Amino acid sequence: MNRCIKLCLPVFLIVGATVAIRFFIPGEPAHQGKPLSAWLADLDLESSHSTDTAVYALRAIGTNSFPWLTQMLRAKDPVWKQAVLSFNTRQSFLRIPVTPASVVQNRAIQGYIALGNVAKDNVPALIQILDSEPSPQIRSCVAAALGGIGPEAKAAIPALSRATADKSAEVRKNAFWALASIHRWSPDVPEGRFSN
């Protein structure tokens, strides 16, 4: 029992500190009293909530979601979170609620897809991340988000075209998908051409 307390105490302290920090950081945007992150969780495949209601809420939050979605795309699992995730997989009697960065990033992508053309003003920030971010995982997510925005992300075509030659196969795949998505729905992109 003492061993369990010794193992759990640091985890509880870290989680407690995280909750306290979040308490003092200005709140995320909300719709009808429900925060953006909760609406995004409603878009998860395994969610039992209405995706139509979640999309409506995201569109109601609108441009106020940009800083949060951008931050979510750049999510990483710090060492403490990796430790908690590892702890959760090694035992089943105590589950500490943490969300892996990959899930957070996917929710951000779903948020951009839900916003669609509403997210056009965030495209320059996403281009900057795509061009400068060292993490291939994050670049891949940004490319997917740009594709989710659709034709209003056509300013990203040069950056996405460069990303099709990325060292990471995942970045290349999402860059091609994004270009196809922008091209498919954008009448001003000439047939068979992805760059200006």
C-alpha atoms as a PDB file:
ATOM      1  CA  MET A   1       0.000   0.000   0.000  1.00  0.00           C
ATOM      2  CA  ASN A   2       2.850   2.401   0.863  1.00  0.00           C
ATOM      3  CA  ARG A   3       4.397   1.687  -2.540  1.00  0.00           C
ATOM      4  CA  CYS A   4       1.116   2.665  -4.224  1.00  0.00           C
ATOM      5  CA  ILE A   5       1.020   5.941  -2.279  1.00  0.00           C
ATOM      6  CA  LYS A   6       4.631   6.679  -3.244  1.00  0.00           C
ATOM      7  CA  LEU A   7       3.834   6.025  -6.900  1.00  0.00           C
ATOM      8  CA  CYS A   8       0.556   7.963  -6.919  1.00  0.00           C
ATOM      9  CA  LEU A   9       1.571  11.025  -4.891  1.00  0.00           C
ATOM     10  CA  PRO A  10       3.791  12.644  -7.567  1.00  0.00           C
ATOM     11  CA  VAL A  11       1.122  12.036 -10.197  1.00  0.00           C
ATOM     12  CA  PHE A  12      -1.568  13.643  -8.021  1.00  0.00           C
ATOM     13  CA  LEU A  13       0.698  16.619  -7.328  1.00  0.00           C
ATOM     14  CA  ILE A  14       1.329  17.130 -11.041  1.00  0.00           C
ATOM     15  CA  VAL A  15      -2.357  16.820 -11.925  1.00  0.00           C
ATOM     16  CA  GLY A  16      -3.267  19.176  -9.070  1.00  0.00           C
ATOM     17  CA  ALA A  17      -0.737  21.756 -10.252  1.00  0.00           C
ATOM     18  CA  THR A  18      -2.067  21.497 -13.799  1.00  0.00           C
ATOM     19  CA  VAL A  19      -5.637  22.044 -12.636  1.00  0.00           C
ATOM     20  CA  ALA A  20      -4.535  25.038 -10.522  1.00  0.00           C
ATOM     21  CA  ILE A  21      -2.674  26.589 -13.462  1.00  0.00           C
ATOM     22  CA  ARG A  22      -5.694  26.146 -15.716  1.00  0.00           C
ATOM     23  CA  PHE A  23      -7.882  27.749 -13.054  1.00  0.00           C
ATOM     24  CA  PHE A  24      -5.830  30.952 -13.214  1.00  0.00           C
ATOM     25  CA  ILE A  25      -5.548  31.080 -17.023  1.00  0.00           C
ATOM     26  CA  PRO A  26      -8.407  32.960 -18.735  1.00  0.00           C
ATOM     27  CA  GLY A  27     -11.181  30.586 -19.729  1.00  0.00           C
ATOM     28  CA  GLU A  28     -11.623  29.151 -23.144  1.00  0.00           C
ATOM     29  CA  PRO A  29     -14.508  30.348 -25.299  1.00  0.00           C
ATOM     30  CA  ALA A  30     -17.861  28.705 -24.672  1.00  0.00           C
ATOM     31  CA  HIS A  31     -21.342  28.396 -26.132  1.00  0.00           C
ATOM     32  CA  GLN A  32     -24.369  27.967 -23.881  1.00  0.00           C
ATOM     33  CA  GLY A  33     -22.040  27.550 -20.907  1.00  0.00           C
ATOM     34  CA  LYS A  34     -20.167  24.615 -22.466  1.00  0.00           C
ATOM     35  CA  PRO A  35     -16.465  25.180 -23.294  1.00  0.00           C
ATOM     36  CA  LEU A  36     -14.975  24.768 -26.746  1.00  0.00           C
ATOM     37  CA  SER A  37     -13.001  21.666 -25.725  1.00  0.00           C
ATOM     38  CA  ALA A  38     -16.209  19.911 -24.636  1.00  0.00           C
ATOM     39  CA  TRP A  39     -17.936  20.723 -27.940  1.00  0.00           C
ATOM     40  CA  LEU A  40     -14.879  19.390 -29.789  1.00  0.00           C
ATOM     41  CA  ALA A  41     -15.022  16.188 -27.729  1.00  0.00           C
ATOM     42  CA  ASP A  42     -18.614  15.785 -28.955  1.00  0.00           C
ATOM     43  CA  LEU A  43     -17.164  15.380 -32.467  1.00  0.00           C
ATOM     44  CA  ASP A  44     -15.197  12.266 -31.418  1.00  0.00           C
ATOM     45  CA  LEU A  45     -16.304   9.135 -33.268  1.00  0.00           C
ATOM     46  CA  GLU A  46     -17.208   7.357 -30.037  1.00  0.00           C
ATOM     47  CA  SER A  47     -19.218  10.312 -28.701  1.00  0.00           C
ATOM     48  CA  SER A  48     -22.939   9.793 -28.231  1.00  0.00           C
ATOM     49  CA  HIS A  49     -23.650  13.519 -28.616  1.00  0.00           C
ATOM     50  CA  SER A  50     -25.084  15.136 -31.741  1.00  0.00           C
ATOM     51  CA  THR A  51     -22.368  16.237 -34.129  1.00  0.00           C
ATOM     52  CA  ASP A  52     -24.781  18.716 -35.740  1.00  0.00           C
ATOM     53  CA  THR A  53     -25.245  20.474 -32.396  1.00  0.00           C
ATOM     54  CA  ALA A  54     -21.479  20.529 -31.846  1.00  0.00           C
ATOM     55  CA  VAL A  55     -20.844  21.997 -35.314  1.00  0.00           C
ATOM     56  CA  TYR A  56     -23.494  24.663 -34.681  1.00  0.00           C
ATOM     57  CA  ALA A  57     -21.830  25.524 -31.345  1.00  0.00           C
ATOM     58  CA  LEU A  58     -18.371  25.736 -32.948  1.00  0.00           C
ATOM     59  CA  ARG A  59     -19.691  28.075 -35.614  1.00  0.00           C
ATOM     60  CA  ALA A  60     -21.360  30.183 -32.900  1.00  0.00           C
ATOM     61  CA  ILE A  61     -18.013  30.440 -31.073  1.00  0.00           C
ATOM     62  CA  GLY A  62     -16.447  31.325 -34.448  1.00  0.00           C
ATOM     63  CA  THR A  63     -13.230  33.319 -34.569  1.00  0.00           C
ATOM     64  CA  ASN A  64     -12.871  33.246 -30.771  1.00  0.00           C
ATOM     65  CA  SER A  65     -11.833  29.607 -31.196  1.00  0.00           C
ATOM     66  CA  PHE A  66      -8.740  30.368 -33.322  1.00  0.00           C
ATOM     67  CA  PRO A  67      -6.162  30.815 -30.510  1.00  0.00           C
ATOM     68  CA  TRP A  68      -7.383  27.632 -28.818  1.00  0.00           C
ATOM     69  CA  LEU A  69      -7.521  25.542 -31.994  1.00  0.00           C
ATOM     70  CA  THR A  70      -4.054  26.724 -33.021  1.00  0.00           C
ATOM     71  CA  GLN A  71      -2.702  25.864 -29.571  1.00  0.00           C
ATOM     72  CA  MET A  72      -4.403  22.455 -29.740  1.00  0.00           C
ATOM     73  CA  LEU A  73      -2.776  21.700 -33.112  1.00  0.00           C
ATOM     74  CA  ARG A  74       0.595  22.336 -31.453  1.00  0.00           C
ATOM     75  CA  ALA A  75      -0.136  20.069 -28.468  1.00  0.00           C
ATOM     76  CA  LYS A  76       2.688  17.858 -27.254  1.00  0.00           C
ATOM     77  CA  ASP A  77       2.848  15.255 -24.505  1.00  0.00           C
ATOM     78  CA  PRO A  78       5.319  16.592 -21.925  1.00  0.00           C
ATOM     79  CA  VAL A  79       7.240  14.120 -19.775  1.00  0.00           C
ATOM     80  CA  TRP A  80       4.720  14.328 -16.919  1.00  0.00           C
ATOM     81  CA  LYS A  81       1.828  13.488 -19.262  1.00  0.00           C
ATOM     82  CA  GLN A  82       3.759  10.596 -20.793  1.00  0.00           C
ATOM     83  CA  ALA A  83       4.299   9.317 -17.231  1.00  0.00           C
ATOM     84  CA  VAL A  84       0.579   9.585 -16.431  1.00  0.00           C
ATOM     85  CA  LEU A  85      -0.399   7.863 -19.697  1.00  0.00           C
ATOM     86  CA  SER A  86       2.100   5.098 -18.964  1.00  0.00           C
ATOM     87  CA  PHE A  87       0.752   4.799 -15.403  1.00  0.00           C
ATOM     88  CA  ASN A  88      -2.798   4.452 -16.763  1.00  0.00           C
ATOM     89  CA  THR A  89      -1.795   1.644 -19.136  1.00  0.00           C
ATOM     90  CA  ARG A  90       0.078  -0.314 -16.441  1.00  0.00           C
ATOM     91  CA  GLN A  91      -2.873  -0.654 -14.053  1.00  0.00           C
ATOM     92  CA  SER A  92      -6.661  -0.456 -13.998  1.00  0.00           C
ATOM     93  CA  PHE A  93      -7.613   0.403 -10.409  1.00  0.00           C
ATOM     94  CA  LEU A  94      -6.951   4.144 -10.788  1.00  0.00           C
ATOM     95  CA  ARG A  95      -7.398   6.033 -14.048  1.00  0.00           C
ATOM     96  CA  ILE A  96      -6.059   9.578 -14.120  1.00  0.00           C
ATOM     97  CA  PRO A  97      -7.952  11.575 -16.748  1.00  0.00           C
ATOM     98  CA  VAL A  98      -5.468  12.939 -19.281  1.00  0.00           C
ATOM     99  CA  THR A  99      -5.927  13.414 -22.993  1.00  0.00           C
ATOM    100  CA  PRO A 100      -3.024  12.446 -25.290  1.00  0.00           C
ATOM    101  CA  ALA A 101      -1.716  15.150 -27.623  1.00  0.00           C
ATOM    102  CA  SER A 102      -2.771  13.101 -30.656  1.00  0.00           C
ATOM    103  CA  VAL A 103      -6.428  13.240 -29.508  1.00  0.00           C
ATOM    104  CA  VAL A 104      -6.183  16.981 -28.792  1.00  0.00           C
ATOM    105  CA  GLN A 105      -4.693  17.563 -32.261  1.00  0.00           C
ATOM    106  CA  ASN A 106      -7.389  15.489 -33.944  1.00  0.00           C
ATOM    107  CA  ARG A 107     -10.086  17.474 -32.140  1.00  0.00           C
ATOM    108  CA  ALA A 108      -8.525  20.693 -33.408  1.00  0.00           C
ATOM    109  CA  ILE A 109      -8.585  19.342 -36.976  1.00  0.00           C
ATOM    110  CA  GLN A 110     -12.256  18.419 -36.522  1.00  0.00           C
ATOM    111  CA  GLY A 111     -12.833  21.951 -35.251  1.00  0.00           C
ATOM    112  CA  TYR A 112     -11.342  23.451 -38.419  1.00  0.00           C
ATOM    113  CA  ILE A 113     -13.406  21.074 -40.542  1.00  0.00           C
ATOM    114  CA  ALA A 114     -16.549  22.136 -38.655  1.00  0.00           C
ATOM    115  CA  LEU A 115     -15.696  25.823 -39.078  1.00  0.00           C
ATOM    116  CA  GLY A 116     -14.806  25.405 -42.758  1.00  0.00           C
ATOM    117  CA  ASN A 117     -14.734  28.756 -44.551  1.00  0.00           C
ATOM    118  CA  VAL A 118     -15.353  30.574 -41.240  1.00  0.00           C
ATOM    119  CA  ALA A 119     -11.707  29.772 -40.411  1.00  0.00           C
ATOM    120  CA  LYS A 120     -10.281  31.650 -43.428  1.00  0.00           C
ATOM    121  CA  ASP A 121      -8.824  34.436 -41.258  1.00  0.00           C
ATOM    122  CA  ASN A 122      -6.727  31.877 -39.372  1.00  0.00           C
ATOM    123  CA  VAL A 123      -5.079  30.563 -42.557  1.00  0.00           C
ATOM    124  CA  PRO A 124      -2.011  32.909 -42.375  1.00  0.00           C
ATOM    125  CA  ALA A 125      -1.211  31.677 -38.849  1.00  0.00           C
ATOM    126  CA  LEU A 126      -1.517  28.061 -40.001  1.00  0.00           C
ATOM    127  CA  ILE A 127       0.754  28.716 -43.000  1.00  0.00           C
ATOM    128  CA  GLN A 128       3.374  30.167 -40.664  1.00  0.00           C
ATOM    129  CA  ILE A 129       3.227  27.047 -38.466  1.00  0.00           C
ATOM    130  CA  LEU A 130       3.397  24.724 -41.485  1.00  0.00           C
ATOM    131  CA  ASP A 131       6.513  26.539 -42.749  1.00  0.00           C
ATOM    132  CA  SER A 132       8.342  26.815 -39.408  1.00  0.00           C
ATOM    133  CA  GLU A 133       7.279  24.000 -37.056  1.00  0.00           C
ATOM    134  CA  PRO A 134      10.008  21.388 -36.512  1.00  0.00           C
ATOM    135  CA  SER A 135       7.614  18.609 -35.439  1.00  0.00           C
ATOM    136  CA  PRO A 136       6.387  16.523 -38.399  1.00  0.00           C
ATOM    137  CA  GLN A 137       3.348  15.444 -36.350  1.00  0.00           C
ATOM    138  CA  ILE A 138       2.277  19.070 -35.897  1.00  0.00           C
ATOM    139  CA  ARG A 139       2.997  19.979 -39.541  1.00  0.00           C
ATOM    140  CA  SER A 140       0.874  17.015 -40.589  1.00  0.00           C
ATOM    141  CA  CYS A 141      -2.013  18.193 -38.375  1.00  0.00           C
ATOM    142  CA  VAL A 142      -1.752  21.744 -39.718  1.00  0.00           C
ATOM    143  CA  ALA A 143      -1.908  20.470 -43.299  1.00  0.00           C
ATOM    144  CA  ALA A 144      -5.025  18.460 -42.406  1.00  0.00           C
ATOM    145  CA  ALA A 145      -6.588  21.530 -40.767  1.00  0.00           C
ATOM    146  CA  LEU A 146      -5.941  23.608 -43.899  1.00  0.00           C
ATOM    147  CA  GLY A 147      -7.588  20.916 -45.981  1.00  0.00           C
ATOM    148  CA  GLY A 148     -10.543  20.973 -43.620  1.00  0.00           C
ATOM    149  CA  ILE A 149     -10.999  24.692 -44.165  1.00  0.00           C
ATOM    150  CA  GLY A 150     -11.369  24.033 -47.886  1.00  0.00           C
ATOM    151  CA  PRO A 151     -11.236  26.593 -50.707  1.00  0.00           C
ATOM    152  CA  GLU A 152     -10.878  29.534 -48.326  1.00  0.00           C
ATOM    153  CA  ALA A 153      -7.422  28.135 -47.506  1.00  0.00           C
ATOM    154  CA  LYS A 154      -6.177  28.643 -51.073  1.00  0.00           C
ATOM    155  CA  ALA A 155      -3.553  31.120 -49.809  1.00  0.00           C
ATOM    156  CA  ALA A 156      -1.865  28.030 -48.315  1.00  0.00           C
ATOM    157  CA  ILE A 157      -1.412  26.332 -51.700  1.00  0.00           C
ATOM    158  CA  PRO A 158       2.291  27.334 -52.072  1.00  0.00           C
ATOM    159  CA  ALA A 159       3.119  26.161 -48.512  1.00  0.00           C
ATOM    160  CA  LEU A 160       1.168  22.938 -48.987  1.00  0.00           C
ATOM    161  CA  SER A 161       2.896  22.356 -52.326  1.00  0.00           C
ATOM    162  CA  ARG A 162       6.261  22.637 -50.561  1.00  0.00           C
ATOM    163  CA  ALA A 163       4.980  20.229 -47.881  1.00  0.00           C
ATOM    164  CA  THR A 164       4.358  17.562 -50.547  1.00  0.00           C
ATOM    165  CA  ALA A 165       8.153  17.140 -50.606  1.00  0.00           C
ATOM    166  CA  ASP A 166       8.464  16.899 -46.799  1.00  0.00           C
ATOM    167  CA  LYS A 167      10.672  14.156 -45.311  1.00  0.00           C
ATOM    168  CA  SER A 168       7.680  12.870 -43.344  1.00  0.00           C
ATOM    169  CA  ALA A 169       5.297  10.593 -45.241  1.00  0.00           C
ATOM    170  CA  GLU A 170       2.420  11.703 -42.989  1.00  0.00           C
ATOM    171  CA  VAL A 171       3.054  15.389 -43.787  1.00  0.00           C
ATOM    172  CA  ARG A 172       3.219  14.600 -47.510  1.00  0.00           C
ATOM    173  CA  LYS A 173      -0.015  12.604 -47.355  1.00  0.00           C
ATOM    174  CA  ASN A 174      -1.940  15.346 -45.531  1.00  0.00           C
ATOM    175  CA  ALA A 175      -0.486  18.061 -47.771  1.00  0.00           C
ATOM    176  CA  PHE A 176      -1.700  16.217 -50.882  1.00  0.00           C
ATOM    177  CA  TRP A 177      -5.108  15.659 -49.245  1.00  0.00           C
ATOM    178  CA  ALA A 178      -5.341  19.354 -48.326  1.00  0.00           C
ATOM    179  CA  LEU A 179      -4.427  20.444 -51.851  1.00  0.00           C
ATOM    180  CA  ALA A 180      -7.004  18.066 -53.297  1.00  0.00           C
ATOM    181  CA  SER A 181      -9.613  19.387 -50.864  1.00  0.00           C
ATOM    182  CA  ILE A 182      -8.871  23.020 -51.712  1.00  0.00           C
ATOM    183  CA  HIS A 183      -8.705  22.250 -55.433  1.00  0.00           C
ATOM    184  CA  ARG A 184     -11.887  20.172 -55.471  1.00  0.00           C
ATOM    185  CA  TRP A 185     -14.057  22.902 -54.015  1.00  0.00           C
ATOM    186  CA  SER A 186     -12.309  25.962 -55.444  1.00  0.00           C
ATOM    187  CA  PRO A 187     -13.361  26.983 -58.959  1.00  0.00           C
ATOM    188  CA  ASP A 188     -10.410  29.399 -59.350  1.00  0.00           C
ATOM    189  CA  VAL A 189      -7.732  26.703 -59.006  1.00  0.00           C
ATOM    190  CA  PRO A 190      -6.984  25.482 -62.552  1.00  0.00           C
ATOM    191  CA  GLU A 191      -7.525  21.779 -63.224  1.00  0.00           C
ATOM    192  CA  GLY A 192      -4.467  19.651 -62.380  1.00  0.00           C
ATOM    193  CA  ARG A 193      -2.562  22.522 -60.823  1.00  0.00           C
ATOM    194  CA  PHE A 194      -1.856  23.023 -57.111  1.00  0.00           C
ATOM    195  CA  SER A 195       0.526  25.973 -57.033  1.00  0.00           C
ATOM    196  CA  ASN A 196       0.384  29.592 -58.131  1.00  0.00           C
END
